[in-house]
Structures are given as structure tokens and as C-alpha cells.
């Protein structure tokens, strides 16, 4: 049973684990996505999300607090300059873990962890104006749309023959 065992120790002493997570977090912030094992990705998610939340408040105190975890000036500057403004309106869930399969050498489960708002492919495929419409407004638009598309479809059909 694993009662009250929230932290995955990753088979390391505390100093090594803290250094590992700090380096992974710095790499994630600088590169926006990294590939690592699934266990490390899940541990990194718990480590980096509070730091990203802390970066929303750009004060000297929050910068020093984040620096005490990351220990990398470039990563802290990147976090506060580019990442924080982009995630300012997001209430949480700043990272995404995608499973990649098994590593060839030791069959470890691999995962890609990325910052959600920095994935250009997902942002391009998502609908730009996803407004929530009421049922009545949706019914009006749905009734008008087939009537407008029908003449265009008939006009294209003879041209194709």
C-alpha cells in the first residue's frame, strides 16, 4: 500500500532528486518541450506548475523564490518574460504529458512533456473563435447555412462534369 506517499522519489537521494528536477524544469522552460521517462515527467509536472503559477506575479520576491528552485538565471528570465504573459489568463494546467511508448534499451515508458500554450501545431488546429452559442442562435445559423451552400454545390457540380 502506498498511503501518504505523494512524492515519487525516483530512486534518488533528496539532493540528487532536487538537482534533477531543477535541471528538467529549466530545460522545459527554455525549450518548451522535452522527452523523458514517464515517471520523471509526472514528477516534473508537480514541480514546475507551482513555479509557473508563481511567475504570474512579477515581483522581486517571486523571482527570488523561483530562482531558489531553478538555480538558472536564463530559465527564470524566460519564465517571467515569455511564459508568464502567455499563460496569464489560464487558471492552471500549464503542462501536458504525452505518452510516447517504450525506450528501446530498457523498455522504460517514455513521455513528452510540454508547455500547453507553446505547442504551435495544437494551437493551429484548434478553432480560433470557439464561442458558446445558445440553442436558438445555433438553430438559426444551421437553417440558413444549408440554403446558402446548396446553390454553390449545384454550381460546382456541372463544372466538374
C-alpha atoms as a PDB file:
ATOM      1  CA  UNK A   1       0.000   0.000   0.000  1.00  0.00           C
ATOM      2  CA  UNK A   2       1.201   3.498  -0.758  1.00  0.00           C
ATOM      3  CA  UNK A   3      -0.633   5.572   1.830  1.00  0.00           C
ATOM      4  CA  UNK A   4       0.672   9.140   2.175  1.00  0.00           C
ATOM      5  CA  UNK A   5       3.388   8.669  -0.455  1.00  0.00           C
ATOM      6  CA  UNK A   6       2.680  11.663  -2.679  1.00  0.00           C
ATOM      7  CA  UNK A   7       6.225  12.293  -3.919  1.00  0.00           C
ATOM      8  CA  UNK A   8       7.902   9.869  -6.298  1.00  0.00           C
ATOM      9  CA  UNK A   9      11.474   9.657  -5.039  1.00  0.00           C
ATOM     10  CA  UNK A  10      12.689   8.430  -8.455  1.00  0.00           C
ATOM     11  CA  UNK A  11      15.220   6.112  -6.800  1.00  0.00           C
ATOM     12  CA  UNK A  12      17.449   9.019  -5.761  1.00  0.00           C
ATOM     13  CA  UNK A  13      18.609  10.797  -2.635  1.00  0.00           C
ATOM     14  CA  UNK A  14      16.928  14.137  -1.963  1.00  0.00           C
ATOM     15  CA  UNK A  15      19.811  16.307  -3.204  1.00  0.00           C
ATOM     16  CA  UNK A  16      20.123  14.394  -6.449  1.00  0.00           C
ATOM     17  CA  UNK A  17      16.354  14.462  -6.953  1.00  0.00           C
ATOM     18  CA  UNK A  18      16.164  18.232  -6.382  1.00  0.00           C
ATOM     19  CA  UNK A  19      19.012  18.846  -8.829  1.00  0.00           C
ATOM     20  CA  UNK A  20      17.400  16.547 -11.413  1.00  0.00           C
ATOM     21  CA  UNK A  21      14.024  18.277 -11.178  1.00  0.00           C
ATOM     22  CA  UNK A  22      15.618  21.740 -11.284  1.00  0.00           C
ATOM     23  CA  UNK A  23      17.536  20.834 -14.445  1.00  0.00           C
ATOM     24  CA  UNK A  24      14.479  19.245 -16.075  1.00  0.00           C
ATOM     25  CA  UNK A  25      12.361  22.296 -15.199  1.00  0.00           C
ATOM     26  CA  UNK A  26      14.979  24.667 -16.631  1.00  0.00           C
ATOM     27  CA  UNK A  27      15.156  22.629 -19.824  1.00  0.00           C
ATOM     28  CA  UNK A  28      11.367  22.581 -20.108  1.00  0.00           C
ATOM     29  CA  UNK A  29      11.110  26.350 -19.682  1.00  0.00           C
ATOM     30  CA  UNK A  30      13.917  27.088 -22.144  1.00  0.00           C
ATOM     31  CA  UNK A  31      12.935  24.511 -24.806  1.00  0.00           C
ATOM     32  CA  UNK A  32       9.145  24.443 -24.208  1.00  0.00           C
ATOM     33  CA  UNK A  33       9.098  20.625 -24.557  1.00  0.00           C
ATOM     34  CA  UNK A  34      11.337  17.752 -23.515  1.00  0.00           C
ATOM     35  CA  UNK A  35      11.323  13.965 -23.817  1.00  0.00           C
ATOM     36  CA  UNK A  36      11.973  11.995 -20.626  1.00  0.00           C
ATOM     37  CA  UNK A  37      10.657   8.959 -18.785  1.00  0.00           C
ATOM     38  CA  UNK A  38       7.034   8.956 -17.735  1.00  0.00           C
ATOM     39  CA  UNK A  39       7.837   8.911 -14.008  1.00  0.00           C
ATOM     40  CA  UNK A  40      10.167  11.904 -14.332  1.00  0.00           C
ATOM     41  CA  UNK A  41       7.611  13.759 -16.463  1.00  0.00           C
ATOM     42  CA  UNK A  42       4.888  13.286 -13.848  1.00  0.00           C
ATOM     43  CA  UNK A  43       7.247  14.358 -11.049  1.00  0.00           C
ATOM     44  CA  UNK A  44       8.334  17.363 -13.125  1.00  0.00           C
ATOM     45  CA  UNK A  45       4.717  18.387 -13.676  1.00  0.00           C
ATOM     46  CA  UNK A  46       4.154  18.569  -9.904  1.00  0.00           C
ATOM     47  CA  UNK A  47       7.418  20.515  -9.535  1.00  0.00           C
ATOM     48  CA  UNK A  48       7.083  23.092 -12.312  1.00  0.00           C
ATOM     49  CA  UNK A  49       3.389  24.017 -12.248  1.00  0.00           C
ATOM     50  CA  UNK A  50       3.579  25.885  -8.900  1.00  0.00           C
ATOM     51  CA  UNK A  51       6.620  27.760 -10.242  1.00  0.00           C
ATOM     52  CA  UNK A  52       4.687  28.826 -13.333  1.00  0.00           C
ATOM     53  CA  UNK A  53       1.815  29.969 -11.115  1.00  0.00           C
ATOM     54  CA  UNK A  54       4.305  31.943  -9.026  1.00  0.00           C
ATOM     55  CA  UNK A  55       5.632  33.611 -12.196  1.00  0.00           C
ATOM     56  CA  UNK A  56       2.268  35.286 -12.867  1.00  0.00           C
ATOM     57  CA  UNK A  57       3.154  37.810 -10.149  1.00  0.00           C
ATOM     58  CA  UNK A  58       6.285  39.543 -11.438  1.00  0.00           C
ATOM     59  CA  UNK A  59       7.791  40.774  -8.190  1.00  0.00           C
ATOM     60  CA  UNK A  60      11.263  40.549  -6.738  1.00  0.00           C
ATOM     61  CA  UNK A  61      10.063  38.120  -4.102  1.00  0.00           C
ATOM     62  CA  UNK A  62       8.509  35.711  -6.605  1.00  0.00           C
ATOM     63  CA  UNK A  63      11.585  35.908  -8.854  1.00  0.00           C
ATOM     64  CA  UNK A  64      13.845  35.019  -5.925  1.00  0.00           C
ATOM     65  CA  UNK A  65      11.549  32.200  -4.850  1.00  0.00           C
ATOM     66  CA  UNK A  66      11.518  30.710  -8.355  1.00  0.00           C
ATOM     67  CA  UNK A  67      15.295  31.153  -8.657  1.00  0.00           C
ATOM     68  CA  UNK A  68      15.776  29.199  -5.420  1.00  0.00           C
ATOM     69  CA  UNK A  69      14.106  26.234  -7.150  1.00  0.00           C
ATOM     70  CA  UNK A  70      15.520  26.550 -10.680  1.00  0.00           C
ATOM     71  CA  UNK A  71      19.036  27.914  -9.996  1.00  0.00           C
ATOM     72  CA  UNK A  72      19.308  29.141 -13.604  1.00  0.00           C
ATOM     73  CA  UNK A  73      19.142  32.855 -14.464  1.00  0.00           C
ATOM     74  CA  UNK A  74      18.244  32.277 -18.114  1.00  0.00           C
ATOM     75  CA  UNK A  75      15.364  29.969 -17.232  1.00  0.00           C
ATOM     76  CA  UNK A  76      13.976  32.435 -14.681  1.00  0.00           C
ATOM     77  CA  UNK A  77      14.213  35.302 -17.173  1.00  0.00           C
ATOM     78  CA  UNK A  78      12.491  33.205 -19.868  1.00  0.00           C
ATOM     79  CA  UNK A  79       9.777  32.153 -17.432  1.00  0.00           C
ATOM     80  CA  UNK A  80       8.941  35.689 -16.355  1.00  0.00           C
ATOM     81  CA  UNK A  81       9.386  37.373 -19.774  1.00  0.00           C
ATOM     82  CA  UNK A  82       7.760  34.991 -22.255  1.00  0.00           C
ATOM     83  CA  UNK A  83       5.951  32.172 -20.460  1.00  0.00           C
ATOM     84  CA  UNK A  84       4.128  34.168 -17.766  1.00  0.00           C
ATOM     85  CA  UNK A  85       2.422  36.689 -20.097  1.00  0.00           C
ATOM     86  CA  UNK A  86       1.221  33.886 -22.368  1.00  0.00           C
ATOM     87  CA  UNK A  87      -0.378  31.877 -19.537  1.00  0.00           C
ATOM     88  CA  UNK A  88      -1.676  34.864 -17.558  1.00  0.00           C
ATOM     89  CA  UNK A  89      -5.360  34.036 -18.089  1.00  0.00           C
ATOM     90  CA  UNK A  90      -5.013  30.256 -17.682  1.00  0.00           C
ATOM     91  CA  UNK A  91      -6.161  29.042 -14.229  1.00  0.00           C
ATOM     92  CA  UNK A  92      -3.832  26.024 -14.147  1.00  0.00           C
ATOM     93  CA  UNK A  93      -2.797  23.010 -16.198  1.00  0.00           C
ATOM     94  CA  UNK A  94       0.208  24.644 -17.823  1.00  0.00           C
ATOM     95  CA  UNK A  95       1.877  21.399 -18.906  1.00  0.00           C
ATOM     96  CA  UNK A  96       0.809  18.392 -20.940  1.00  0.00           C
ATOM     97  CA  UNK A  97       2.286  14.868 -20.726  1.00  0.00           C
ATOM     98  CA  UNK A  98       2.024  12.757 -23.881  1.00  0.00           C
ATOM     99  CA  UNK A  99       2.997   9.092 -23.780  1.00  0.00           C
ATOM    100  CA  UNK A 100       5.463   8.017 -26.483  1.00  0.00           C
ATOM    101  CA  UNK A 101       5.853   4.289 -25.924  1.00  0.00           C
ATOM    102  CA  UNK A 102       8.794   2.311 -24.621  1.00  0.00           C
ATOM    103  CA  UNK A 103      12.518   3.062 -24.820  1.00  0.00           C
ATOM    104  CA  UNK A 104      14.499   0.610 -26.927  1.00  0.00           C
ATOM    105  CA  UNK A 105      17.269  -0.190 -24.440  1.00  0.00           C
ATOM    106  CA  UNK A 106      15.473  -0.808 -21.156  1.00  0.00           C
ATOM    107  CA  UNK A 107      11.771  -0.631 -22.096  1.00  0.00           C
ATOM    108  CA  UNK A 108      11.213   2.400 -19.861  1.00  0.00           C
ATOM    109  CA  UNK A 109       7.964   4.239 -20.592  1.00  0.00           C
ATOM    110  CA  UNK A 110       8.836   7.488 -22.369  1.00  0.00           C
ATOM    111  CA  UNK A 111       6.795  10.674 -22.366  1.00  0.00           C
ATOM    112  CA  UNK A 112       6.915  14.120 -23.903  1.00  0.00           C
ATOM    113  CA  UNK A 113       6.148  16.952 -21.513  1.00  0.00           C
ATOM    114  CA  UNK A 114       5.409  20.363 -22.989  1.00  0.00           C
ATOM    115  CA  UNK A 115       4.048  23.753 -22.080  1.00  0.00           C
ATOM    116  CA  UNK A 116       0.447  23.842 -23.304  1.00  0.00           C
ATOM    117  CA  UNK A 117       0.346  27.371 -24.749  1.00  0.00           C
ATOM    118  CA  UNK A 118       3.566  26.911 -26.720  1.00  0.00           C
ATOM    119  CA  UNK A 119       2.509  23.978 -28.939  1.00  0.00           C
ATOM    120  CA  UNK A 120       2.108  25.651 -32.353  1.00  0.00           C
ATOM    121  CA  UNK A 121       0.624  22.551 -34.023  1.00  0.00           C
ATOM    122  CA  UNK A 122      -2.158  22.194 -31.448  1.00  0.00           C
ATOM    123  CA  UNK A 123      -2.867  25.925 -31.457  1.00  0.00           C
ATOM    124  CA  UNK A 124      -3.123  25.979 -35.265  1.00  0.00           C
ATOM    125  CA  UNK A 125      -5.544  23.041 -35.404  1.00  0.00           C
ATOM    126  CA  UNK A 126      -7.784  24.395 -32.614  1.00  0.00           C
ATOM    127  CA  UNK A 127     -10.721  26.537 -33.742  1.00  0.00           C
ATOM    128  CA  UNK A 128      -9.928  30.223 -33.369  1.00  0.00           C
ATOM    129  CA  UNK A 129     -13.393  31.542 -32.450  1.00  0.00           C
ATOM    130  CA  UNK A 130     -14.893  28.826 -30.308  1.00  0.00           C
ATOM    131  CA  UNK A 131     -17.768  30.822 -28.852  1.00  0.00           C
ATOM    132  CA  UNK A 132     -20.507  29.087 -26.985  1.00  0.00           C
ATOM    133  CA  UNK A 133     -23.814  29.703 -28.758  1.00  0.00           C
ATOM    134  CA  UNK A 134     -27.291  29.302 -27.384  1.00  0.00           C
ATOM    135  CA  UNK A 135     -29.530  26.669 -28.892  1.00  0.00           C
ATOM    136  CA  UNK A 136     -31.766  29.224 -30.557  1.00  0.00           C
ATOM    137  CA  UNK A 137     -28.898  31.075 -32.236  1.00  0.00           C
ATOM    138  CA  UNK A 138     -27.371  27.790 -33.358  1.00  0.00           C
ATOM    139  CA  UNK A 139     -30.668  26.656 -34.875  1.00  0.00           C
ATOM    140  CA  UNK A 140     -30.996  29.872 -36.914  1.00  0.00           C
ATOM    141  CA  UNK A 141     -27.481  29.567 -38.297  1.00  0.00           C
ATOM    142  CA  UNK A 142     -27.943  25.877 -39.065  1.00  0.00           C
ATOM    143  CA  UNK A 143     -31.159  26.601 -41.005  1.00  0.00           C
ATOM    144  CA  UNK A 144     -29.514  29.391 -43.020  1.00  0.00           C
ATOM    145  CA  UNK A 145     -26.291  27.523 -43.787  1.00  0.00           C
ATOM    146  CA  UNK A 146     -27.708  24.670 -45.967  1.00  0.00           C
ATOM    147  CA  UNK A 147     -29.759  27.138 -48.007  1.00  0.00           C
ATOM    148  CA  UNK A 148     -26.649  29.189 -48.736  1.00  0.00           C
ATOM    149  CA  UNK A 149     -24.496  26.133 -49.535  1.00  0.00           C
ATOM    150  CA  UNK A 150     -26.989  24.375 -51.848  1.00  0.00           C
ATOM    151  CA  UNK A 151     -26.692  26.790 -54.832  1.00  0.00           C
ATOM    152  CA  UNK A 152     -22.911  26.774 -54.519  1.00  0.00           C
ATOM    153  CA  UNK A 153     -22.842  22.963 -54.598  1.00  0.00           C
ATOM    154  CA  UNK A 154     -25.122  22.877 -57.666  1.00  0.00           C
ATOM    155  CA  UNK A 155     -22.937  25.425 -59.441  1.00  0.00           C
ATOM    156  CA  UNK A 156     -19.822  23.349 -58.831  1.00  0.00           C
ATOM    157  CA  UNK A 157     -21.344  20.038 -59.945  1.00  0.00           C
ATOM    158  CA  UNK A 158     -21.842  20.928 -63.678  1.00  0.00           C
ATOM    159  CA  UNK A 159     -18.368  22.451 -63.861  1.00  0.00           C
ATOM    160  CA  UNK A 160     -16.841  19.177 -62.651  1.00  0.00           C
ATOM    161  CA  UNK A 161     -18.521  17.143 -65.457  1.00  0.00           C
END
